[in-house]
PDB file of N, CA and C in Angstrom:
ATOM      1  N   MET A   1      -6.528  27.000  26.584  1.00  0.00           N
ATOM      2  CA  MET A   1      -5.882  25.811  26.055  1.00  0.00           C
ATOM      3  C   MET A   1      -5.314  26.101  24.660  1.00  0.00           C
ATOM      4  N   ALA A   2      -4.064  25.650  24.389  1.00  0.00           N
ATOM      5  CA  ALA A   2      -3.470  25.918  23.117  1.00  0.00           C
ATOM      6  C   ALA A   2      -4.106  25.097  21.947  1.00  0.00           C
ATOM      7  N   SER A   3      -4.254  25.733  20.792  1.00  0.00           N
ATOM      8  CA  SER A   3      -4.795  25.048  19.731  1.00  0.00           C
ATOM      9  C   SER A   3      -3.721  23.991  19.148  1.00  0.00           C
ATOM     10  N   ASN A   4      -4.253  23.106  18.279  1.00  0.00           N
ATOM     11  CA  ASN A   4      -3.369  22.129  17.726  1.00  0.00           C
ATOM     12  C   ASN A   4      -2.182  22.760  16.924  1.00  0.00           C
ATOM     13  N   ASN A   5      -2.530  23.864  16.230  1.00  0.00           N
ATOM     14  CA  ASN A   5      -1.475  24.517  15.482  1.00  0.00           C
ATOM     15  C   ASN A   5      -0.403  25.051  16.381  1.00  0.00           C
ATOM     16  N   GLN A   6      -0.738  25.623  17.531  1.00  0.00           N
ATOM     17  CA  GLN A   6       0.206  26.161  18.494  1.00  0.00           C
ATOM     18  C   GLN A   6       1.049  25.047  19.051  1.00  0.00           C
ATOM     19  N   LYS A   7       0.444  23.918  19.332  1.00  0.00           N
ATOM     20  CA  LYS A   7       1.132  22.758  19.903  1.00  0.00           C
ATOM     21  C   LYS A   7       2.171  22.233  18.902  1.00  0.00           C
ATOM     22  N   ASP A   8       1.730  22.229  17.578  1.00  0.00           N
ATOM     23  CA  ASP A   8       2.640  21.719  16.530  1.00  0.00           C
ATOM     24  C   ASP A   8       3.861  22.655  16.451  1.00  0.00           C
ATOM     25  N   ILE A   9       3.641  23.971  16.569  1.00  0.00           N
ATOM     26  CA  ILE A   9       4.709  24.917  16.551  1.00  0.00           C
ATOM     27  C   ILE A   9       5.675  24.684  17.673  1.00  0.00           C
ATOM     28  N   GLU A  10       5.097  24.469  18.888  1.00  0.00           N
ATOM     29  CA  GLU A  10       5.947  24.274  20.069  1.00  0.00           C
ATOM     30  C   GLU A  10       6.746  22.938  19.947  1.00  0.00           C
ATOM     31  N   TRP A  11       6.135  21.885  19.398  1.00  0.00           N
ATOM     32  CA  TRP A  11       6.887  20.643  19.151  1.00  0.00           C
ATOM     33  C   TRP A  11       7.971  20.803  18.139  1.00  0.00           C
ATOM     34  N   ALA A  12       7.725  21.571  17.069  1.00  0.00           N
ATOM     35  CA  ALA A  12       8.798  21.870  16.090  1.00  0.00           C
ATOM     36  C   ALA A  12       9.900  22.643  16.639  1.00  0.00           C
ATOM     37  N   GLU A  13       9.600  23.583  17.542  1.00  0.00           N
ATOM     38  CA  GLU A  13      10.711  24.371  18.204  1.00  0.00           C
ATOM     39  C   GLU A  13      11.500  23.477  19.099  1.00  0.00           C
ATOM     40  N   ALA A  14      10.822  22.623  19.856  1.00  0.00           N
ATOM     41  CA  ALA A  14      11.509  21.741  20.745  1.00  0.00           C
ATOM     42  C   ALA A  14      12.365  20.745  19.982  1.00  0.00           C
ATOM     43  N   LYS A  15      11.839  20.219  18.839  1.00  0.00           N
ATOM     44  CA  LYS A  15      12.617  19.323  17.955  1.00  0.00           C
ATOM     45  C   LYS A  15      13.820  19.992  17.614  1.00  0.00           C
ATOM     46  N   LYS A  16      13.769  21.248  17.129  1.00  0.00           N
ATOM     47  CA  LYS A  16      14.927  21.981  16.511  1.00  0.00           C
ATOM     48  C   LYS A  16      15.948  22.270  17.627  1.00  0.00           C
ATOM     49  N   LYS A  17      15.449  22.796  18.749  1.00  0.00           N
ATOM     50  CA  LYS A  17      16.365  23.234  19.876  1.00  0.00           C
ATOM     51  C   LYS A  17      17.044  22.114  20.564  1.00  0.00           C
ATOM     52  N   CYS A  18      16.294  21.007  20.694  1.00  0.00           N
ATOM     53  CA  CYS A  18      16.872  19.818  21.431  1.00  0.00           C
ATOM     54  C   CYS A  18      17.522  18.773  20.503  1.00  0.00           C
ATOM     55  N   ARG A  19      17.460  19.086  19.196  1.00  0.00           N
ATOM     56  CA  ARG A  19      18.055  18.209  18.221  1.00  0.00           C
ATOM     57  C   ARG A  19      17.448  16.744  18.320  1.00  0.00           C
ATOM     58  N   LEU A  20      16.167  16.750  18.202  1.00  0.00           N
ATOM     59  CA  LEU A  20      15.447  15.528  18.289  1.00  0.00           C
ATOM     60  C   LEU A  20      15.036  14.992  16.960  1.00  0.00           C
ATOM     61  N   ASN A  21      14.861  13.615  16.846  1.00  0.00           N
ATOM     62  CA  ASN A  21      14.342  13.123  15.497  1.00  0.00           C
ATOM     63  C   ASN A  21      12.905  12.683  15.768  1.00  0.00           C
ATOM     64  N   GLU A  22      12.293  12.281  14.712  1.00  0.00           N
ATOM     65  CA  GLU A  22      10.884  12.010  14.809  1.00  0.00           C
ATOM     66  C   GLU A  22      10.474  10.870  15.814  1.00  0.00           C
ATOM     67  N   GLU A  23      11.338   9.902  15.898  1.00  0.00           N
ATOM     68  CA  GLU A  23      11.126   8.784  16.799  1.00  0.00           C
ATOM     69  C   GLU A  23      11.213   9.312  18.226  1.00  0.00           C
ATOM     70  N   THR A  24      12.191  10.093  18.562  1.00  0.00           N
ATOM     71  CA  THR A  24      12.264  10.656  19.921  1.00  0.00           C
ATOM     72  C   THR A  24      11.083  11.599  20.255  1.00  0.00           C
ATOM     73  N   VAL A  25      10.663  12.364  19.354  1.00  0.00           N
ATOM     74  CA  VAL A  25       9.446  13.222  19.562  1.00  0.00           C
ATOM     75  C   VAL A  25       8.265  12.328  19.751  1.00  0.00           C
ATOM     76  N   LYS A  26       8.089  11.276  19.055  1.00  0.00           N
ATOM     77  CA  LYS A  26       6.961  10.327  19.279  1.00  0.00           C
ATOM     78  C   LYS A  26       7.010   9.695  20.662  1.00  0.00           C
ATOM     79  N   MET A  27       8.170   9.387  21.095  1.00  0.00           N
ATOM     80  CA  MET A  27       8.340   8.824  22.468  1.00  0.00           C
ATOM     81  C   MET A  27       7.907   9.843  23.520  1.00  0.00           C
ATOM     82  N   ALA A  28       8.369  11.043  23.353  1.00  0.00           N
ATOM     83  CA  ALA A  28       8.031  12.157  24.283  1.00  0.00           C
ATOM     84  C   ALA A  28       6.543  12.444  24.349  1.00  0.00           C
ATOM     85  N   LYS A  29       5.887  12.452  23.119  1.00  0.00           N
ATOM     86  CA  LYS A  29       4.476  12.630  23.094  1.00  0.00           C
ATOM     87  C   LYS A  29       3.657  11.503  23.716  1.00  0.00           C
ATOM     88  N   GLU A  30       4.171  10.299  23.546  1.00  0.00           N
ATOM     89  CA  GLU A  30       3.523   9.117  24.026  1.00  0.00           C
ATOM     90  C   GLU A  30       3.542   9.140  25.576  1.00  0.00           C
ATOM     91  N   MET A  31       4.653   9.619  26.134  1.00  0.00           N
ATOM     92  CA  MET A  31       4.774   9.743  27.531  1.00  0.00           C
ATOM     93  C   MET A  31       4.102  10.960  28.155  1.00  0.00           C
ATOM     94  N   GLY A  32       3.557  11.814  27.333  1.00  0.00           N
ATOM     95  CA  GLY A  32       2.813  12.971  27.782  1.00  0.00           C
ATOM     96  C   GLY A  32       3.675  14.150  28.177  1.00  0.00           C
ATOM     97  N   LEU A  33       4.955  14.207  27.656  1.00  0.00           N
ATOM     98  CA  LEU A  33       5.888  15.242  28.006  1.00  0.00           C
ATOM     99  C   LEU A  33       5.429  16.543  27.298  1.00  0.00           C
ATOM    100  N   ASN A  34       5.806  17.679  27.910  1.00  0.00           N
ATOM    101  CA  ASN A  34       5.478  18.949  27.381  1.00  0.00           C
ATOM    102  C   ASN A  34       6.698  19.470  26.563  1.00  0.00           C
ATOM    103  N   PRO A  35       6.549  20.003  25.386  1.00  0.00           N
ATOM    104  CA  PRO A  35       7.680  20.474  24.605  1.00  0.00           C
ATOM    105  C   PRO A  35       8.460  21.608  25.392  1.00  0.00           C
ATOM    106  N   ARG A  36       7.807  22.417  26.151  1.00  0.00           N
ATOM    107  CA  ARG A  36       8.484  23.484  26.930  1.00  0.00           C
ATOM    108  C   ARG A  36       9.368  22.831  27.994  1.00  0.00           C
ATOM    109  N   SER A  37       8.954  21.732  28.560  1.00  0.00           N
ATOM    110  CA  SER A  37       9.807  21.058  29.622  1.00  0.00           C
ATOM    111  C   SER A  37      11.084  20.481  28.944  1.00  0.00           C
ATOM    112  N   LEU A  38      10.946  19.986  27.763  1.00  0.00           N
ATOM    113  CA  LEU A  38      12.134  19.484  27.013  1.00  0.00           C
ATOM    114  C   LEU A  38      13.129  20.540  26.777  1.00  0.00           C
ATOM    115  N   ILE A  39      12.636  21.785  26.399  1.00  0.00           N
ATOM    116  CA  ILE A  39      13.537  22.973  26.148  1.00  0.00           C
ATOM    117  C   ILE A  39      14.185  23.319  27.451  1.00  0.00           C
ATOM    118  N   LYS A  40      13.507  23.263  28.550  1.00  0.00           N
ATOM    119  CA  LYS A  40      14.053  23.601  29.868  1.00  0.00           C
ATOM    120  C   LYS A  40      15.147  22.640  30.257  1.00  0.00           C
ATOM    121  N   ASN A  41      15.115  21.424  29.873  1.00  0.00           N
ATOM    122  CA  ASN A  41      16.073  20.420  30.202  1.00  0.00           C
ATOM    123  C   ASN A  41      17.322  20.322  29.303  1.00  0.00           C
ATOM    124  N   ILE A  42      17.472  21.281  28.388  1.00  0.00           N
ATOM    125  CA  ILE A  42      18.630  21.333  27.588  1.00  0.00           C
ATOM    126  C   ILE A  42      19.870  21.592  28.499  1.00  0.00           C
ATOM    127  N   PRO A  43      20.840  20.747  28.511  1.00  0.00           N
ATOM    128  CA  PRO A  43      21.995  20.876  29.359  1.00  0.00           C
ATOM    129  C   PRO A  43      22.844  22.178  28.985  1.00  0.00           C
ATOM    130  N   ASN A  44      23.215  22.905  30.042  1.00  0.00           N
ATOM    131  CA  ASN A  44      24.038  24.129  29.887  1.00  0.00           C
ATOM    132  C   ASN A  44      25.523  23.657  29.877  1.00  0.00           C
ATOM    133  N   LYS A  45      26.438  24.570  29.426  1.00  0.00           N
ATOM    134  CA  LYS A  45      27.849  24.151  29.420  1.00  0.00           C
ATOM    135  C   LYS A  45      28.306  23.832  30.762  1.00  0.00           C
ATOM    136  N   SER A  46      27.768  24.416  31.813  1.00  0.00           N
ATOM    137  CA  SER A  46      28.205  24.099  33.173  1.00  0.00           C
ATOM    138  C   SER A  46      27.560  22.853  33.727  1.00  0.00           C
ATOM    139  N   GLU A  47      26.613  22.261  32.986  1.00  0.00           N
ATOM    140  CA  GLU A  47      25.934  21.023  33.438  1.00  0.00           C
ATOM    141  C   GLU A  47      26.461  19.859  32.636  1.00  0.00           C
ATOM    142  N   GLN A  48      27.709  19.502  32.780  1.00  0.00           N
ATOM    143  CA  GLN A  48      28.302  18.480  32.046  1.00  0.00           C
ATOM    144  C   GLN A  48      27.710  17.095  32.429  1.00  0.00           C
ATOM    145  N   TRP A  49      27.178  17.023  33.642  1.00  0.00           N
ATOM    146  CA  TRP A  49      26.646  15.770  34.155  1.00  0.00           C
ATOM    147  C   TRP A  49      25.298  15.418  33.532  1.00  0.00           C
ATOM    148  N   LYS A  50      24.640  16.416  32.956  1.00  0.00           N
ATOM    149  CA  LYS A  50      23.308  16.228  32.359  1.00  0.00           C
ATOM    150  C   LYS A  50      23.314  15.663  30.970  1.00  0.00           C
ATOM    151  N   ALA A  51      22.549  14.613  30.754  1.00  0.00           N
ATOM    152  CA  ALA A  51      22.531  13.915  29.443  1.00  0.00           C
ATOM    153  C   ALA A  51      21.772  14.848  28.441  1.00  0.00           C
ATOM    154  N   PRO A  52      22.115  14.716  27.182  1.00  0.00           N
ATOM    155  CA  PRO A  52      21.315  15.398  26.124  1.00  0.00           C
ATOM    156  C   PRO A  52      19.900  15.004  26.205  1.00  0.00           C
ATOM    157  N   VAL A  53      18.968  15.859  25.790  1.00  0.00           N
ATOM    158  CA  VAL A  53      17.491  15.608  25.867  1.00  0.00           C
ATOM    159  C   VAL A  53      17.125  14.339  25.190  1.00  0.00           C
ATOM    160  N   SER A  54      17.682  14.069  23.970  1.00  0.00           N
ATOM    161  CA  SER A  54      17.262  12.824  23.268  1.00  0.00           C
ATOM    162  C   SER A  54      17.663  11.605  24.012  1.00  0.00           C
ATOM    163  N   ILE A  55      18.729  11.537  24.680  1.00  0.00           N
ATOM    164  CA  ILE A  55      19.176  10.389  25.452  1.00  0.00           C
ATOM    165  C   ILE A  55      18.326  10.297  26.679  1.00  0.00           C
ATOM    166  N   TRP A  56      17.989  11.426  27.319  1.00  0.00           N
ATOM    167  CA  TRP A  56      17.177  11.510  28.503  1.00  0.00           C
ATOM    168  C   TRP A  56      15.801  10.862  28.188  1.00  0.00           C
ATOM    169  N   ILE A  57      15.262  11.258  27.032  1.00  0.00           N
ATOM    170  CA  ILE A  57      13.902  10.821  26.712  1.00  0.00           C
ATOM    171  C   ILE A  57      13.925   9.240  26.417  1.00  0.00           C
ATOM    172  N   GLN A  58      14.975   8.806  25.672  1.00  0.00           N
ATOM    173  CA  GLN A  58      15.080   7.454  25.398  1.00  0.00           C
ATOM    174  C   GLN A  58      15.269   6.557  26.613  1.00  0.00           C
ATOM    175  N   LYS A  59      16.005   6.968  27.567  1.00  0.00           N
ATOM    176  CA  LYS A  59      16.216   6.279  28.823  1.00  0.00           C
ATOM    177  C   LYS A  59      14.909   6.225  29.662  1.00  0.00           C
ATOM    178  N   MET A  60      14.215   7.319  29.702  1.00  0.00           N
ATOM    179  CA  MET A  60      12.952   7.350  30.464  1.00  0.00           C
ATOM    180  C   MET A  60      11.899   6.455  29.824  1.00  0.00           C
ATOM    181  N   TYR A  61      11.794   6.490  28.428  1.00  0.00           N
ATOM    182  CA  TYR A  61      10.875   5.660  27.737  1.00  0.00           C
ATOM    183  C   TYR A  61      11.149   4.171  27.974  1.00  0.00           C
ATOM    184  N   GLN A  62      12.433   3.832  27.916  1.00  0.00           N
ATOM    185  CA  GLN A  62      12.838   2.429  28.148  1.00  0.00           C
ATOM    186  C   GLN A  62      12.474   1.997  29.579  1.00  0.00           C
ATOM    187  N   LYS A  63      12.700   2.811  30.577  1.00  0.00           N
ATOM    188  CA  LYS A  63      12.370   2.533  31.931  1.00  0.00           C
ATOM    189  C   LYS A  63      10.873   2.258  32.065  1.00  0.00           C
ATOM    190  N   ARG A  64      10.054   3.092  31.439  1.00  0.00           N
ATOM    191  CA  ARG A  64       8.610   3.065  31.511  1.00  0.00           C
ATOM    192  C   ARG A  64       8.106   1.761  30.813  1.00  0.00           C
ATOM    193  N   GLN A  65       8.778   1.376  29.744  1.00  0.00           N
ATOM    194  CA  GLN A  65       8.354   0.172  29.016  1.00  0.00           C
ATOM    195  C   GLN A  65       8.642  -1.014  29.782  1.00  0.00           C
ATOM    196  N   GLU A  66       9.849  -1.080  30.506  1.00  0.00           N
ATOM    197  CA  GLU A  66      10.197  -2.205  31.309  1.00  0.00           C
ATOM    198  C   GLU A  66       9.261  -2.281  32.477  1.00  0.00           C
ATOM    199  N   LYS A  67       8.896  -1.200  33.161  1.00  0.00           N
ATOM    200  CA  LYS A  67       7.982  -1.139  34.225  1.00  0.00           C
ATOM    201  C   LYS A  67       6.558  -1.697  33.806  1.00  0.00           C
ATOM    202  N   ALA A  68       6.169  -1.319  32.662  1.00  0.00           N
ATOM    203  CA  ALA A  68       4.862  -1.750  32.146  1.00  0.00           C
ATOM    204  C   ALA A  68       4.846  -3.334  31.848  1.00  0.00           C
ATOM    205  N   LEU A  69       5.977  -3.866  31.321  1.00  0.00           N
ATOM    206  CA  LEU A  69       6.136  -5.252  31.104  1.00  0.00           C
ATOM    207  C   LEU A  69       6.084  -5.996  32.396  1.00  0.00           C
ATOM    208  N   LYS A  70       6.776  -5.537  33.405  1.00  0.00           N
ATOM    209  CA  LYS A  70       6.797  -6.179  34.683  1.00  0.00           C
ATOM    210  C   LYS A  70       5.387  -6.273  35.333  1.00  0.00           C
ATOM    211  N   LYS A  71       4.695  -5.098  35.150  1.00  0.00           N
ATOM    212  CA  LYS A  71       3.360  -5.024  35.739  1.00  0.00           C
ATOM    213  C   LYS A  71       2.447  -5.990  35.043  1.00  0.00           C
ATOM    214  N   LYS A  72       2.570  -6.049  33.725  1.00  0.00           N
ATOM    215  CA  LYS A  72       1.703  -6.959  32.904  1.00  0.00           C
ATOM    216  C   LYS A  72       2.015  -8.366  33.288  1.00  0.00           C
ATOM    217  N   ALA A  73       3.288  -8.743  33.432  1.00  0.00           N
ATOM    218  CA  ALA A  73       3.576 -10.133  33.844  1.00  0.00           C
ATOM    219  C   ALA A  73       3.115 -10.472  35.225  1.00  0.00           C
ATOM    220  N   ARG A  74       3.216  -9.509  36.153  1.00  0.00           N
ATOM    221  CA  ARG A  74       2.732  -9.698  37.488  1.00  0.00           C
ATOM    222  C   ARG A  74       1.165  -9.947  37.445  1.00  0.00           C
ATOM    223  N   ASN A  75       0.442  -9.157  36.676  1.00  0.00           N
ATOM    224  CA  ASN A  75      -0.937  -9.303  36.589  1.00  0.00           C
ATOM    225  C   ASN A  75      -1.427 -10.665  36.000  1.00  0.00           C
ATOM    226  N   GLU A  76      -0.647 -11.024  34.975  1.00  0.00           N
ATOM    227  CA  GLU A  76      -0.900 -12.382  34.337  1.00  0.00           C
ATOM    228  C   GLU A  76      -0.654 -13.531  35.350  1.00  0.00           C
ATOM    229  N   LYS A  77       0.405 -13.345  36.054  1.00  0.00           N
ATOM    230  CA  LYS A  77       0.739 -14.356  37.063  1.00  0.00           C
ATOM    231  C   LYS A  77      -0.306 -14.457  38.188  1.00  0.00           C
ATOM    232  N   SER A  78      -0.828 -13.348  38.590  1.00  0.00           N
ATOM    233  CA  SER A  78      -1.871 -13.361  39.630  1.00  0.00           C
ATOM    234  C   SER A  78      -3.138 -13.917  39.147  1.00  0.00           C
ATOM    235  N   THR A  79      -3.505 -13.727  37.864  1.00  0.00           N
ATOM    236  CA  THR A  79      -4.770 -14.250  37.286  1.00  0.00           C
ATOM    237  C   THR A  79      -4.601 -15.759  37.143  1.00  0.00           C
ATOM    238  N   GLU A  80      -3.394 -16.224  36.902  1.00  0.00           N
ATOM    239  CA  GLU A  80      -3.289 -17.748  36.767  1.00  0.00           C
ATOM    240  C   GLU A  80      -3.488 -18.367  38.059  1.00  0.00           C
ATOM    241  N   THR A  81      -3.092 -17.802  39.127  1.00  0.00           N
ATOM    242  CA  THR A  81      -3.254 -18.449  40.476  1.00  0.00           C
ATOM    243  C   THR A  81      -4.651 -18.454  40.985  1.00  0.00           C
ATOM    244  N   CYS A  82      -5.497 -17.614  40.476  1.00  0.00           N
ATOM    245  CA  CYS A  82      -6.838 -17.490  40.972  1.00  0.00           C
ATOM    246  C   CYS A  82      -7.774 -18.523  40.412  1.00  0.00           C
TER     247      CYS A  82
END
């Protein structure tokens, strides 16, 4: 298992290569993404259809937040009926 120092180095490398800001890195960490997987998802010139990593992370984070809110609302609704 990698030490915290090694993880910090990997995150710094991913931040630099993927052109991420602190907020996007925080989102990726919160979702449990691996910095190496972010580097693998950098679009190539021949992959014009692929979104930049920062946009990809933001969209994924937004979808997960919406899903969590729906689940929370559904749970609250089911507890009210009981």
